[in-house]
Amino acid sequence: MSWFIPIVVTAGGWLFGKITENLHIFPEPPDHSTPEDTIVRIWAGMNANRSTSLLSSLEGSKPQVVLYDERGDHIGDTKPGGKILEGGFQDFIISPDKKGNNVRPTYLQINIHTIDAICISAIQIQYADGGWSTIYGDVPVQFCGWAGYPSITPFYTGSDGNDIYKPWCFWMDKNDSYNDDWNGSTWNPKDHFSQSANFHIPDFNGQPDVISAYHENHDLLCNSEGRMQGHPWWPETIAVFKPPLSYGNNASDAPGVSHENNSLDPKIVIDDFVGAGKWPQSAKNPHYLVNYKEHKNDNDKDNYNKKLAAGGSNKMLYALFDSDDPSFSADYVCSRPNVFGPHYANAWERKFCNLDDRTVWPFCDDTHTTNCFDMESLTLWGSASAPASGSIGTFDVGSAAIRTPLLSLAGRSTLGM
């Protein structure tokens, strides 16, 4: 079997494989794990400035994790509950349903059960046989356009483990966190927060041929329900590939599967060709549905028509970063239509991104006293004209500019984010 190489994304949206030093991520298994257990570690995103973490928290609800094998058989799962702190992680210990079953899971499902949104920056799976795989959050966010946010949760990469990589995180939540109703329109994870998400783990191995194929055709990854899909509720089923994909003379291939490389064949994996977006799916299609054990959808699909009366989350939150990395610039963040969450400030370039209308403003200083963001008062100041004479009525050509607050973040709360 080839070594699993996690896929990372550059600011320009380019993929490449990034070797990760295993010991830096799993120094040792948790004490209460057994040789049959699979360990799934999930990290939350992190805001750079700890003084603003309570106002911009990317932490949130600890999800449920479900594992399936390549045939779609249920291996094991965990119960939801608790929180994953900002910049921290949680280990999920999944014991197999059948004692002695230490088969590697290939399908991973994450389910959120509360309205406390979480931004997930990375997922790592350590298998019972000692191997491991990693899925970074910026693959769904930066490459496929899922709703997300910048994060500085650090991961040590490189053959010597000395390089630091900071992937963006993707949002998950039970009630879609303040986003507009999608009733009557097609739900997608670009404009909404998933309550459930599933991943086909082998397809996140950044081997050179895989990276090249994904670059040439984004749909091989982003429009393949069996590979990666977000859901607006807990589905009772997930899509898997039938027959299982072949990766070409690779130990990842399931027993009995030919070694013909079809994992990058659009007619096998892309939904538009195989009709994988239809529910329920026919067993004749290359995908079929797995029965989802025990945990049922607690939202009625027909009644999934919600809108939080409190309004947009961005008006309540802000985050402060300090980086010269282009992927963390205020201009770049504001230009991304799939960025949701706190307003964004970059102290290195001294700019503020208002995510309500995606406008960028300089920090206030001696040069900028209006049309700027004041970091001390947390106020966005604009300008308006006032009659020079102070009279009421039509403004004269010589009207004087006055400083007018456009947005104030001081004293506002997170409203469940």
Protein backbone atom coordinates (compact mmCIF):
# COMPACT_ATOMS: atom_id res chain seq x y z
CA MET A 1 0.00 0.00 0.00
CA SER A 2 1.26 3.46 -0.84
CA TRP A 3 1.85 5.88 2.00
CA PHE A 4 -1.17 8.11 2.65
CA ILE A 5 -0.30 11.70 1.71
CA PRO A 6 -2.81 14.32 2.95
CA ILE A 7 -4.09 16.82 0.38
CA VAL A 8 -3.56 20.53 1.10
CA VAL A 9 -4.77 23.61 -0.78
CA THR A 10 -2.87 26.80 -1.62
CA ALA A 11 -4.42 30.29 -1.61
CA GLY A 12 -4.76 30.01 -5.37
CA GLY A 13 -6.86 26.87 -5.03
CA TRP A 14 -4.13 24.44 -6.11
CA LEU A 15 -3.91 21.01 -4.54
CA PHE A 16 -0.74 19.19 -3.64
CA GLY A 17 0.21 16.28 -1.44
CA LYS A 18 1.78 17.25 1.87
CA ILE A 19 3.65 14.57 3.75
CA THR A 20 2.78 14.64 7.44
CA GLU A 21 4.97 13.30 10.19
CA ASN A 22 2.65 10.85 11.95
CA LEU A 23 4.22 11.18 15.38
CA HIS A 24 3.40 14.88 15.60
CA ILE A 25 -0.33 14.23 15.22
CA PHE A 26 -0.80 11.07 17.26
CA PRO A 27 1.98 11.04 19.88
CA GLU A 28 0.28 8.00 21.39
CA PRO A 29 -3.19 6.44 21.32
CA PRO A 30 -5.57 7.38 24.16
CA ASP A 31 -5.15 5.16 27.22
CA HIS A 32 -8.61 3.62 26.95
CA SER A 33 -8.27 2.44 23.34
CA THR A 34 -7.80 -1.23 22.47
CA PRO A 35 -5.96 -2.87 19.55
CA GLU A 36 -9.32 -3.31 17.79
CA ASP A 37 -10.37 0.34 18.06
CA THR A 38 -10.22 3.00 15.38
CA ILE A 39 -9.43 6.49 16.67
CA VAL A 40 -10.85 9.53 14.89
CA ARG A 41 -9.38 12.86 15.97
CA ILE A 42 -11.30 16.02 15.01
CA TRP A 43 -9.83 19.52 15.40
CA ALA A 44 -11.75 22.78 15.71
CA GLY A 45 -10.53 25.94 14.00
CA MET A 46 -8.80 28.76 15.89
CA ASN A 47 -8.82 32.56 15.77
CA ALA A 48 -5.32 34.04 15.94
CA ASN A 49 -5.97 36.52 18.75
CA ARG A 50 -6.86 34.78 22.00
CA SER A 51 -8.26 38.03 23.45
CA THR A 52 -11.11 37.88 20.93
CA SER A 53 -11.73 34.14 21.08
CA LEU A 54 -14.90 34.48 23.15
CA LEU A 55 -16.35 36.83 20.53
CA SER A 56 -15.35 34.82 17.49
CA SER A 57 -15.23 31.26 18.71
CA LEU A 58 -14.83 28.55 16.11
CA GLU A 59 -15.34 25.90 18.79
CA GLY A 60 -18.62 24.06 18.98
CA SER A 61 -20.62 20.90 19.45
CA LYS A 62 -18.81 17.58 19.62
CA PRO A 63 -20.31 15.50 16.80
CA GLN A 64 -21.18 11.87 16.41
CA VAL A 65 -18.76 9.82 14.28
CA VAL A 66 -19.89 6.80 12.25
CA LEU A 67 -17.59 4.41 10.37
CA TYR A 68 -18.39 2.02 7.51
CA ASP A 69 -16.29 -0.43 5.53
CA GLU A 70 -15.88 -0.48 1.75
CA ARG A 71 -19.02 -2.57 1.29
CA GLY A 72 -21.02 -0.08 3.31
CA ASP A 73 -21.36 -2.27 6.39
CA HIS A 74 -21.54 -0.43 9.70
CA ILE A 75 -18.33 -0.81 11.74
CA GLY A 76 -19.12 1.33 14.77
CA ASP A 77 -20.06 4.79 15.98
CA THR A 78 -19.96 7.16 18.93
CA LYS A 79 -22.57 9.11 20.83
CA PRO A 80 -22.69 12.91 20.42
CA GLY A 81 -22.35 15.34 23.32
CA GLY A 82 -20.00 17.95 24.73
CA LYS A 83 -17.77 20.47 22.93
CA ILE A 84 -14.49 20.70 21.05
CA LEU A 85 -12.67 23.82 22.20
CA GLU A 86 -11.28 26.37 19.77
CA GLY A 87 -7.94 25.18 18.40
CA GLY A 88 -8.33 21.91 20.29
CA PHE A 89 -9.24 18.38 19.33
CA GLN A 90 -11.34 15.47 20.49
CA ASP A 91 -10.48 11.80 20.14
CA PHE A 92 -13.39 9.55 19.22
CA ILE A 93 -12.78 5.91 20.11
CA ILE A 94 -14.81 3.63 17.86
CA SER A 95 -14.98 0.02 18.93
CA PRO A 96 -16.22 -2.44 16.29
CA ASP A 97 -19.77 -3.76 16.55
CA LYS A 98 -18.38 -7.26 16.08
CA LYS A 99 -15.53 -8.19 18.40
CA GLY A 100 -12.37 -8.96 16.49
CA ASN A 101 -13.39 -6.89 13.48
CA ASN A 102 -10.40 -4.62 12.95
CA VAL A 103 -11.06 -3.96 9.26
CA ARG A 104 -10.11 -0.49 8.08
CA PRO A 105 -13.06 1.88 7.70
CA THR A 106 -13.25 3.63 4.34
CA TYR A 107 -16.41 5.72 4.84
CA LEU A 108 -16.58 8.35 7.59
CA GLN A 109 -19.75 10.18 8.59
CA ILE A 110 -19.96 13.17 10.98
CA ASN A 111 -23.29 14.25 12.50
CA ILE A 112 -24.05 17.39 14.52
CA HIS A 113 -26.84 17.20 17.10
CA THR A 114 -27.04 20.73 18.57
CA ILE A 115 -27.31 24.34 17.36
CA ASP A 116 -23.78 25.11 18.58
CA ALA A 117 -21.90 25.45 15.26
CA ILE A 118 -18.36 24.13 14.93
CA CYS A 119 -15.72 24.87 12.30
CA ILE A 120 -13.69 21.71 11.63
CA SER A 121 -10.10 22.22 10.50
CA ALA A 122 -8.93 18.61 10.22
CA ILE A 123 -9.95 15.00 10.68
CA GLN A 124 -7.46 12.21 11.24
CA ILE A 125 -8.17 8.50 11.39
CA GLN A 126 -5.79 6.09 13.11
CA TYR A 127 -6.61 2.51 12.18
CA ALA A 128 -6.43 -0.58 14.35
CA ASP A 129 -3.49 -1.82 12.25
CA GLY A 130 -1.50 1.35 13.03
CA GLY A 131 -1.92 3.17 9.71
CA TRP A 132 -3.52 6.58 9.45
CA SER A 133 -5.23 9.03 7.09
CA THR A 134 -5.88 12.79 7.28
CA ILE A 135 -8.53 15.04 5.72
CA TYR A 136 -7.84 18.78 6.03
CA GLY A 137 -10.74 21.23 6.20
CA ASP A 138 -9.57 23.38 3.34
CA VAL A 139 -10.19 20.61 0.80
CA PRO A 140 -13.98 21.04 1.08
CA VAL A 141 -13.64 24.80 1.71
CA GLN A 142 -10.87 26.08 -0.57
CA PHE A 143 -11.17 23.52 -3.36
CA CYS A 144 -14.88 22.62 -3.39
CA GLY A 145 -16.34 25.84 -1.99
CA TRP A 146 -18.05 24.60 1.18
CA ALA A 147 -18.97 27.20 3.78
CA GLY A 148 -15.89 27.86 5.89
CA TYR A 149 -13.59 30.29 7.66
CA PRO A 150 -9.84 30.98 8.05
CA SER A 151 -8.15 29.13 10.91
CA ILE A 152 -4.66 29.03 12.39
CA THR A 153 -4.91 25.65 14.12
CA PRO A 154 -1.36 24.42 13.36
CA PHE A 155 -0.38 21.05 11.91
CA TYR A 156 3.22 19.90 11.61
CA THR A 157 4.04 18.62 8.15
CA GLY A 158 7.03 17.75 6.00
CA SER A 159 9.24 14.70 6.17
CA ASP A 160 10.93 16.12 9.27
CA GLY A 161 7.72 17.44 10.82
CA ASN A 162 9.07 20.99 11.08
CA ASP A 163 6.77 22.73 8.58
CA ILE A 164 3.56 24.26 9.90
CA TYR A 165 0.36 24.13 7.88
CA LYS A 166 -2.83 26.04 8.81
CA PRO A 167 -5.86 24.77 6.89
CA TRP A 168 -9.16 26.61 6.69
CA CYS A 169 -12.08 25.01 8.51
CA PHE A 170 -15.57 24.02 7.32
CA TRP A 171 -18.76 24.81 9.21
CA MET A 172 -21.26 22.30 10.58
CA ASP A 173 -24.38 23.03 12.60
CA LYS A 174 -27.82 21.63 13.34
CA ASN A 175 -29.83 24.72 12.40
CA ASP A 176 -27.67 26.15 9.59
CA SER A 177 -26.51 29.10 11.74
CA TYR A 178 -28.42 32.15 10.66
CA ASN A 179 -28.36 31.44 6.94
CA ASP A 180 -31.33 32.21 4.72
CA ASP A 181 -34.13 29.71 4.14
CA TRP A 182 -33.52 27.31 1.29
CA ASN A 183 -37.13 26.12 1.14
CA GLY A 184 -38.00 25.71 -2.53
CA SER A 185 -34.38 25.88 -3.68
CA THR A 186 -31.57 23.37 -3.93
CA TRP A 187 -29.60 23.01 -0.70
CA ASN A 188 -25.82 23.00 -1.04
CA PRO A 189 -22.89 23.13 1.42
CA LYS A 190 -21.52 26.28 -0.23
CA ASP A 191 -24.27 28.53 1.11
CA HIS A 192 -25.33 26.49 4.14
CA PHE A 193 -23.83 24.66 7.11
CA SER A 194 -24.08 20.87 6.93
CA GLN A 195 -25.67 18.97 9.79
CA SER A 196 -24.11 15.78 8.47
CA ALA A 197 -21.14 15.13 6.18
CA ASN A 198 -19.64 11.94 4.77
CA PHE A 199 -16.22 11.27 3.28
CA HIS A 200 -14.71 8.34 1.35
CA ILE A 201 -11.32 8.30 3.04
CA PRO A 202 -9.15 6.68 0.30
CA ASP A 203 -10.03 9.49 -2.11
CA PHE A 204 -8.16 12.04 0.04
CA ASN A 205 -4.80 10.37 -0.55
CA GLY A 206 -2.79 12.97 -2.45
CA GLN A 207 -0.87 10.71 -4.81
CA PRO A 208 0.43 12.55 -7.93
CA ASP A 209 -2.07 10.99 -10.36
CA VAL A 210 -4.97 11.84 -8.03
CA ILE A 211 -3.87 15.46 -7.63
CA SER A 212 -3.49 15.84 -11.39
CA ALA A 213 -6.93 14.37 -12.09
CA TYR A 214 -8.68 16.53 -9.47
CA HIS A 215 -7.07 19.65 -10.92
CA GLU A 216 -8.21 18.75 -14.39
CA ASN A 217 -11.76 17.98 -13.27
CA HIS A 218 -12.96 19.36 -9.91
CA ASP A 219 -16.15 17.30 -10.19
CA LEU A 220 -14.18 14.11 -9.58
CA LEU A 221 -14.04 15.19 -5.94
CA CYS A 222 -16.56 18.00 -5.49
CA ASN A 223 -19.48 16.49 -7.42
CA SER A 224 -19.17 12.91 -6.28
CA GLU A 225 -21.70 12.02 -3.62
CA GLY A 226 -19.86 8.85 -2.72
CA ARG A 227 -16.62 10.76 -2.10
CA MET A 228 -17.76 13.78 -0.14
CA GLN A 229 -21.21 15.13 0.61
CA GLY A 230 -22.83 17.55 3.04
CA HIS A 231 -26.43 17.11 4.19
CA PRO A 232 -28.96 19.56 5.71
CA TRP A 233 -30.12 16.89 8.19
CA TRP A 234 -29.03 13.52 9.51
CA PRO A 235 -29.61 11.12 6.62
CA GLU A 236 -30.70 7.59 7.39
CA THR A 237 -28.46 6.43 4.56
CA ILE A 238 -25.21 7.43 2.89
CA ALA A 239 -24.03 6.71 -0.65
CA VAL A 240 -21.21 4.24 -1.24
CA PHE A 241 -19.60 3.00 -4.43
CA LYS A 242 -20.93 -0.30 -5.78
CA PRO A 243 -18.92 -2.09 -6.87
CA PRO A 244 -16.11 -0.64 -4.75
CA LEU A 245 -13.67 1.60 -6.58
CA SER A 246 -10.37 0.22 -7.78
CA TYR A 247 -7.18 2.25 -7.41
CA GLY A 248 -4.97 0.08 -9.62
CA ASN A 249 -2.96 -2.72 -7.99
CA ASN A 250 -3.30 -1.08 -4.61
CA ALA A 251 -3.95 -2.72 -1.28
CA SER A 252 -6.73 -0.17 -0.77
CA ASP A 253 -8.77 -2.17 -3.29
CA ALA A 254 -11.42 -4.31 -1.64
CA PRO A 255 -11.08 -8.11 -1.84
CA GLY A 256 -12.33 -9.42 -5.15
CA VAL A 257 -12.08 -6.06 -6.91
CA SER A 258 -10.13 -6.01 -10.14
CA HIS A 259 -7.01 -3.88 -10.24
CA GLU A 260 -8.26 -1.83 -13.15
CA ASN A 261 -7.90 1.80 -12.11
CA ASN A 262 -11.43 3.24 -12.27
CA SER A 263 -11.33 5.56 -9.26
CA LEU A 264 -10.71 8.55 -11.54
CA ASP A 265 -13.23 7.60 -14.22
CA PRO A 266 -15.88 10.38 -14.44
CA LYS A 267 -18.52 7.89 -15.58
CA ILE A 268 -17.99 5.93 -12.38
CA VAL A 269 -17.70 8.63 -9.74
CA ILE A 270 -19.36 11.89 -10.88
CA ASP A 271 -23.00 12.31 -9.88
CA ASP A 272 -24.08 13.85 -13.19
CA PHE A 273 -23.18 10.60 -14.95
CA VAL A 274 -24.41 8.04 -12.44
CA GLY A 275 -27.48 9.80 -11.08
CA ALA A 276 -26.16 9.62 -7.56
CA GLY A 277 -28.09 12.71 -6.50
CA LYS A 278 -31.44 10.93 -6.73
CA TRP A 279 -33.08 9.55 -3.58
CA PRO A 280 -33.56 6.70 -3.21
CA GLN A 281 -30.87 5.40 -5.50
CA SER A 282 -31.20 2.25 -7.56
CA ALA A 283 -28.92 -0.65 -6.70
CA LYS A 284 -28.10 -0.78 -10.41
CA ASN A 285 -26.22 2.51 -10.12
CA PRO A 286 -22.53 2.55 -9.13
CA HIS A 287 -23.72 3.79 -5.72
CA TYR A 288 -26.10 2.17 -3.30
CA LEU A 289 -27.42 3.17 0.11
CA VAL A 290 -26.26 2.01 3.51
CA ASN A 291 -28.78 1.53 6.28
CA TYR A 292 -28.01 4.01 9.02
CA LYS A 293 -28.20 2.28 12.38
CA GLU A 294 -29.74 3.56 15.61
CA HIS A 295 -29.57 7.31 15.13
CA LYS A 296 -32.52 8.76 13.23
CA ASN A 297 -33.00 12.14 11.67
CA ASP A 298 -34.42 14.48 14.32
CA ASN A 299 -35.47 17.10 11.77
CA ASP A 300 -38.46 16.47 9.53
CA LYS A 301 -37.29 17.08 5.97
CA ASP A 302 -40.61 18.62 4.97
CA ASN A 303 -40.47 21.05 7.89
CA TYR A 304 -36.86 22.11 7.44
CA ASN A 305 -37.98 25.70 6.95
CA LYS A 306 -36.20 27.79 9.49
CA LYS A 307 -34.83 31.28 9.79
CA LEU A 308 -33.26 32.59 12.96
CA ALA A 309 -35.02 35.79 13.97
CA ALA A 310 -31.86 37.19 15.55
CA GLY A 311 -30.41 38.01 12.13
CA GLY A 312 -26.94 37.52 10.68
CA SER A 313 -24.16 36.09 12.78
CA ASN A 314 -21.51 38.37 11.28
CA LYS A 315 -22.92 41.43 13.02
CA MET A 316 -22.29 39.79 16.38
CA LEU A 317 -18.75 38.49 15.93
CA TYR A 318 -15.26 39.44 14.87
CA ALA A 319 -11.89 37.74 14.62
CA LEU A 320 -8.41 39.26 14.58
CA PHE A 321 -5.57 37.70 12.60
CA ASP A 322 -1.99 38.90 12.18
CA SER A 323 -0.44 37.32 9.10
CA ASP A 324 1.26 38.24 5.84
CA ASP A 325 0.05 34.98 4.29
CA PRO A 326 -2.02 35.88 1.17
CA SER A 327 -4.66 33.33 2.14
CA PHE A 328 -5.30 35.32 5.33
CA SER A 329 -5.52 38.79 3.79
CA ALA A 330 -8.71 40.76 4.41
CA ASP A 331 -9.15 41.32 0.67
CA TYR A 332 -8.89 37.60 -0.03
CA VAL A 333 -11.26 36.60 2.79
CA CYS A 334 -13.85 39.18 1.73
CA SER A 335 -13.67 38.04 -1.89
CA ARG A 336 -14.64 34.47 -1.01
CA PRO A 337 -18.43 33.98 -1.32
CA ASN A 338 -18.33 30.86 0.86
CA VAL A 339 -16.77 32.58 3.92
CA PHE A 340 -19.28 32.78 6.78
CA GLY A 341 -18.89 33.65 10.44
CA PRO A 342 -17.14 36.46 12.31
CA HIS A 343 -16.19 39.75 10.74
CA TYR A 344 -12.50 39.57 9.91
CA ALA A 345 -9.54 41.81 10.73
CA ASN A 346 -5.88 41.40 9.74
CA ALA A 347 -3.52 43.33 11.99
CA TRP A 348 -0.49 42.79 9.75
CA GLU A 349 -2.05 44.56 6.74
CA ARG A 350 -4.28 46.73 8.98
CA LYS A 351 -7.53 46.00 7.18
CA PHE A 352 -11.03 45.00 8.25
CA CYS A 353 -13.46 42.82 6.25
CA ASN A 354 -17.15 43.50 6.85
CA LEU A 355 -18.70 40.14 6.01
CA ASP A 356 -22.22 41.56 6.01
CA ASP A 357 -21.59 43.26 2.67
CA ARG A 358 -18.05 41.95 1.93
CA THR A 359 -16.39 45.35 1.91
CA VAL A 360 -12.81 46.02 3.05
CA TRP A 361 -11.83 49.02 5.21
CA PRO A 362 -8.47 50.30 6.53
CA PHE A 363 -7.83 50.52 10.25
CA CYS A 364 -8.35 53.99 11.69
CA ASP A 365 -5.14 55.95 12.36
CA ASP A 366 -3.77 59.46 11.94
CA THR A 367 -4.26 59.20 8.19
CA HIS A 368 -7.64 57.45 8.23
CA THR A 369 -10.09 59.04 10.65
CA THR A 370 -13.28 58.14 8.80
CA ASN A 371 -14.27 55.38 6.38
CA CYS A 372 -12.18 53.11 8.59
CA PHE A 373 -12.45 50.51 11.35
CA ASP A 374 -11.38 51.53 14.87
CA MET A 375 -9.88 48.55 16.70
CA GLU A 376 -10.17 50.26 20.08
CA SER A 377 -13.88 51.03 19.98
CA LEU A 378 -14.63 48.14 17.57
CA THR A 379 -16.55 50.58 15.40
CA LEU A 380 -16.68 50.94 11.65
CA TRP A 381 -16.78 54.66 10.93
CA GLY A 382 -18.21 56.11 7.74
CA SER A 383 -18.80 59.68 6.66
CA ALA A 384 -21.91 61.67 5.87
CA SER A 385 -22.41 65.24 4.77
CA ALA A 386 -23.86 67.90 7.04
CA PRO A 387 -24.80 71.49 6.11
CA ALA A 388 -21.89 73.81 6.81
CA SER A 389 -24.33 76.33 8.29
CA GLY A 390 -25.96 73.73 10.50
CA SER A 391 -29.35 74.37 8.89
CA ILE A 392 -31.75 71.59 8.02
CA GLY A 393 -32.55 70.98 4.37
CA THR A 394 -30.76 70.35 1.12
CA PHE A 395 -26.99 70.06 1.59
CA ASP A 396 -24.89 72.76 -0.01
CA VAL A 397 -21.86 72.06 -2.17
CA GLY A 398 -19.71 73.18 0.72
CA SER A 399 -21.20 70.69 3.18
CA ALA A 400 -18.82 69.39 5.84
CA ALA A 401 -18.18 65.67 6.37
CA ILE A 402 -19.12 64.21 9.75
CA ARG A 403 -18.04 60.91 11.27
CA THR A 404 -20.89 58.40 11.38
CA PRO A 405 -20.82 54.92 12.97
CA LEU A 406 -21.78 52.27 10.42
CA LEU A 407 -21.23 49.20 12.57
CA SER A 408 -20.37 48.61 16.22
CA LEU A 409 -19.19 45.26 17.55
CA ALA A 410 -18.62 46.34 21.15
CA GLY A 411 -20.71 44.49 23.70
CA ARG A 412 -22.29 42.09 21.25
CA SER A 413 -22.61 38.40 21.93
CA THR A 414 -21.95 35.26 19.92
CA LEU A 415 -25.55 34.00 19.77
CA GLY A 416 -24.59 30.35 19.89
CA MET A 417 -21.65 30.31 17.48
